[in-house]
């Protein structure tokens, strides 16, 4: 996203017990929620966590997920495809936020 000229902020909400922490850290113009299933997260990142820890993270992220402008389950996509899907969403729905080229 940064390479496309779009200012982004990763919000480490999953560590917070405050459901609306994403709003306190930064109140984004657009909230994009990229999700992944437990199986894919373990496969992709080789994370050393169990399903209960994943489920707790999902619970903590519930408020952000519910308020997202764009939600994408990333399992079937490559990183490049995810980028193209997100950029397409932004172009279609928030063209003024897109950099001019």
C-alpha atoms as a PDB file:
ATOM      1  CA  UNK A   1       0.000   0.000   0.000  1.00  0.00           C
ATOM      2  CA  UNK A   2       2.796   2.406   0.852  1.00  0.00           C
ATOM      3  CA  UNK A   3       4.459   1.628  -2.465  1.00  0.00           C
ATOM      4  CA  UNK A   4       1.171   2.576  -4.126  1.00  0.00           C
ATOM      5  CA  UNK A   5       1.398   5.971  -2.401  1.00  0.00           C
ATOM      6  CA  UNK A   6      -1.287   5.313   0.188  1.00  0.00           C
ATOM      7  CA  UNK A   7      -0.686   6.199   3.837  1.00  0.00           C
ATOM      8  CA  UNK A   8      -1.477   3.221   6.038  1.00  0.00           C
ATOM      9  CA  UNK A   9      -1.305   2.329   9.709  1.00  0.00           C
ATOM     10  CA  UNK A  10      -1.245  -1.172  11.096  1.00  0.00           C
ATOM     11  CA  UNK A  11      -3.209  -1.262  14.317  1.00  0.00           C
ATOM     12  CA  UNK A  12      -2.097  -3.939  16.765  1.00  0.00           C
ATOM     13  CA  UNK A  13      -5.615  -4.180  18.169  1.00  0.00           C
ATOM     14  CA  UNK A  14      -5.411  -7.902  18.802  1.00  0.00           C
ATOM     15  CA  UNK A  15      -3.405  -7.293  21.977  1.00  0.00           C
ATOM     16  CA  UNK A  16      -5.916  -4.908  23.516  1.00  0.00           C
ATOM     17  CA  UNK A  17      -8.849  -5.616  25.774  1.00  0.00           C
ATOM     18  CA  UNK A  18     -10.438  -2.321  24.667  1.00  0.00           C
ATOM     19  CA  UNK A  19     -12.763  -3.131  21.729  1.00  0.00           C
ATOM     20  CA  UNK A  20     -12.533   0.333  20.168  1.00  0.00           C
ATOM     21  CA  UNK A  21      -8.753   0.737  20.559  1.00  0.00           C
ATOM     22  CA  UNK A  22      -8.400   0.978  16.777  1.00  0.00           C
ATOM     23  CA  UNK A  23     -10.389   4.221  16.962  1.00  0.00           C
ATOM     24  CA  UNK A  24      -8.229   5.588  19.779  1.00  0.00           C
ATOM     25  CA  UNK A  25      -4.902   4.711  18.170  1.00  0.00           C
ATOM     26  CA  UNK A  26      -5.887   6.220  14.863  1.00  0.00           C
ATOM     27  CA  UNK A  27      -9.301   7.188  13.609  1.00  0.00           C
ATOM     28  CA  UNK A  28      -8.908   6.014  10.002  1.00  0.00           C
ATOM     29  CA  UNK A  29     -10.602   7.463   6.960  1.00  0.00           C
ATOM     30  CA  UNK A  30     -11.081   3.873   5.817  1.00  0.00           C
ATOM     31  CA  UNK A  31     -10.834   0.746   7.950  1.00  0.00           C
ATOM     32  CA  UNK A  32      -9.734  -2.322   6.009  1.00  0.00           C
ATOM     33  CA  UNK A  33      -9.928  -5.613   7.872  1.00  0.00           C
ATOM     34  CA  UNK A  34      -7.807  -8.401   6.442  1.00  0.00           C
ATOM     35  CA  UNK A  35      -8.703 -11.723   8.018  1.00  0.00           C
ATOM     36  CA  UNK A  36      -7.274 -15.218   7.877  1.00  0.00           C
ATOM     37  CA  UNK A  37      -8.503 -18.549   9.189  1.00  0.00           C
ATOM     38  CA  UNK A  38      -6.611 -20.365  11.920  1.00  0.00           C
ATOM     39  CA  UNK A  39      -5.426 -23.019   9.500  1.00  0.00           C
ATOM     40  CA  UNK A  40      -4.028 -20.520   7.018  1.00  0.00           C
ATOM     41  CA  UNK A  41      -2.452 -18.357   9.705  1.00  0.00           C
ATOM     42  CA  UNK A  42      -0.581 -21.344  11.096  1.00  0.00           C
ATOM     43  CA  UNK A  43       0.500 -22.398   7.613  1.00  0.00           C
ATOM     44  CA  UNK A  44       1.514 -18.966   6.344  1.00  0.00           C
ATOM     45  CA  UNK A  45       3.322 -17.557   9.342  1.00  0.00           C
ATOM     46  CA  UNK A  46       4.143 -20.752  11.135  1.00  0.00           C
ATOM     47  CA  UNK A  47       2.715 -19.201  14.271  1.00  0.00           C
ATOM     48  CA  UNK A  48       3.120 -21.073  17.495  1.00  0.00           C
ATOM     49  CA  UNK A  49      -0.385 -20.630  18.862  1.00  0.00           C
ATOM     50  CA  UNK A  50      -3.398 -22.786  19.465  1.00  0.00           C
ATOM     51  CA  UNK A  51      -6.962 -22.386  18.306  1.00  0.00           C
ATOM     52  CA  UNK A  52      -8.121 -20.901  21.626  1.00  0.00           C
ATOM     53  CA  UNK A  53      -5.547 -18.111  21.307  1.00  0.00           C
ATOM     54  CA  UNK A  54      -6.656 -17.484  17.723  1.00  0.00           C
ATOM     55  CA  UNK A  55     -10.322 -17.419  18.806  1.00  0.00           C
ATOM     56  CA  UNK A  56      -9.516 -14.906  21.549  1.00  0.00           C
ATOM     57  CA  UNK A  57      -7.768 -12.693  19.026  1.00  0.00           C
ATOM     58  CA  UNK A  58     -10.803 -12.910  16.760  1.00  0.00           C
ATOM     59  CA  UNK A  59     -13.051 -11.943  19.676  1.00  0.00           C
ATOM     60  CA  UNK A  60     -10.892  -8.942  20.518  1.00  0.00           C
ATOM     61  CA  UNK A  61     -10.970  -7.827  16.901  1.00  0.00           C
ATOM     62  CA  UNK A  62     -14.769  -8.122  16.678  1.00  0.00           C
ATOM     63  CA  UNK A  63     -15.496  -4.396  17.063  1.00  0.00           C
ATOM     64  CA  UNK A  64     -13.045  -3.462  14.317  1.00  0.00           C
ATOM     65  CA  UNK A  65     -14.414  -6.225  12.069  1.00  0.00           C
ATOM     66  CA  UNK A  66     -17.981  -4.976  12.573  1.00  0.00           C
ATOM     67  CA  UNK A  67     -17.007  -1.393  11.716  1.00  0.00           C
ATOM     68  CA  UNK A  68     -14.734  -2.176   8.792  1.00  0.00           C
ATOM     69  CA  UNK A  69     -15.375  -0.403   5.536  1.00  0.00           C
ATOM     70  CA  UNK A  70     -13.906  -3.383   3.730  1.00  0.00           C
ATOM     71  CA  UNK A  71     -13.548  -6.936   5.006  1.00  0.00           C
ATOM     72  CA  UNK A  72     -11.525  -9.542   3.153  1.00  0.00           C
ATOM     73  CA  UNK A  73     -10.850 -13.136   4.109  1.00  0.00           C
ATOM     74  CA  UNK A  74      -7.412 -13.520   2.577  1.00  0.00           C
ATOM     75  CA  UNK A  75      -7.125 -17.328   2.583  1.00  0.00           C
ATOM     76  CA  UNK A  76      -7.605 -17.942  -1.154  1.00  0.00           C
ATOM     77  CA  UNK A  77      -5.427 -15.036  -2.303  1.00  0.00           C
ATOM     78  CA  UNK A  78      -1.754 -14.286  -2.728  1.00  0.00           C
ATOM     79  CA  UNK A  79      -0.331 -11.092  -1.227  1.00  0.00           C
ATOM     80  CA  UNK A  80      -0.359  -9.507  -4.684  1.00  0.00           C
ATOM     81  CA  UNK A  81      -4.023 -10.435  -5.180  1.00  0.00           C
ATOM     82  CA  UNK A  82      -4.950  -9.018  -1.761  1.00  0.00           C
ATOM     83  CA  UNK A  83      -3.236  -5.765  -2.696  1.00  0.00           C
ATOM     84  CA  UNK A  84      -5.126  -5.585  -6.003  1.00  0.00           C
ATOM     85  CA  UNK A  85      -8.470  -6.297  -4.298  1.00  0.00           C
ATOM     86  CA  UNK A  86      -7.876  -3.601  -1.692  1.00  0.00           C
ATOM     87  CA  UNK A  87      -6.712  -1.069  -4.263  1.00  0.00           C
ATOM     88  CA  UNK A  88      -9.756  -1.860  -6.397  1.00  0.00           C
ATOM     89  CA  UNK A  89     -12.044  -1.274  -3.426  1.00  0.00           C
ATOM     90  CA  UNK A  90     -10.358   2.043  -2.680  1.00  0.00           C
ATOM     91  CA  UNK A  91     -10.472   3.176  -6.317  1.00  0.00           C
ATOM     92  CA  UNK A  92     -14.160   2.365  -6.551  1.00  0.00           C
ATOM     93  CA  UNK A  93     -15.299   3.668  -3.166  1.00  0.00           C
ATOM     94  CA  UNK A  94     -12.732   6.272  -2.092  1.00  0.00           C
ATOM     95  CA  UNK A  95     -11.206   7.692  -5.283  1.00  0.00           C
ATOM     96  CA  UNK A  96     -10.220  10.941  -3.562  1.00  0.00           C
ATOM     97  CA  UNK A  97      -7.928   9.020  -1.243  1.00  0.00           C
ATOM     98  CA  UNK A  98      -6.046   7.506  -4.148  1.00  0.00           C
ATOM     99  CA  UNK A  99      -2.820   9.237  -5.175  1.00  0.00           C
ATOM    100  CA  UNK A 100      -2.779  10.927  -8.536  1.00  0.00           C
ATOM    101  CA  UNK A 101      -0.350   9.452 -11.003  1.00  0.00           C
END
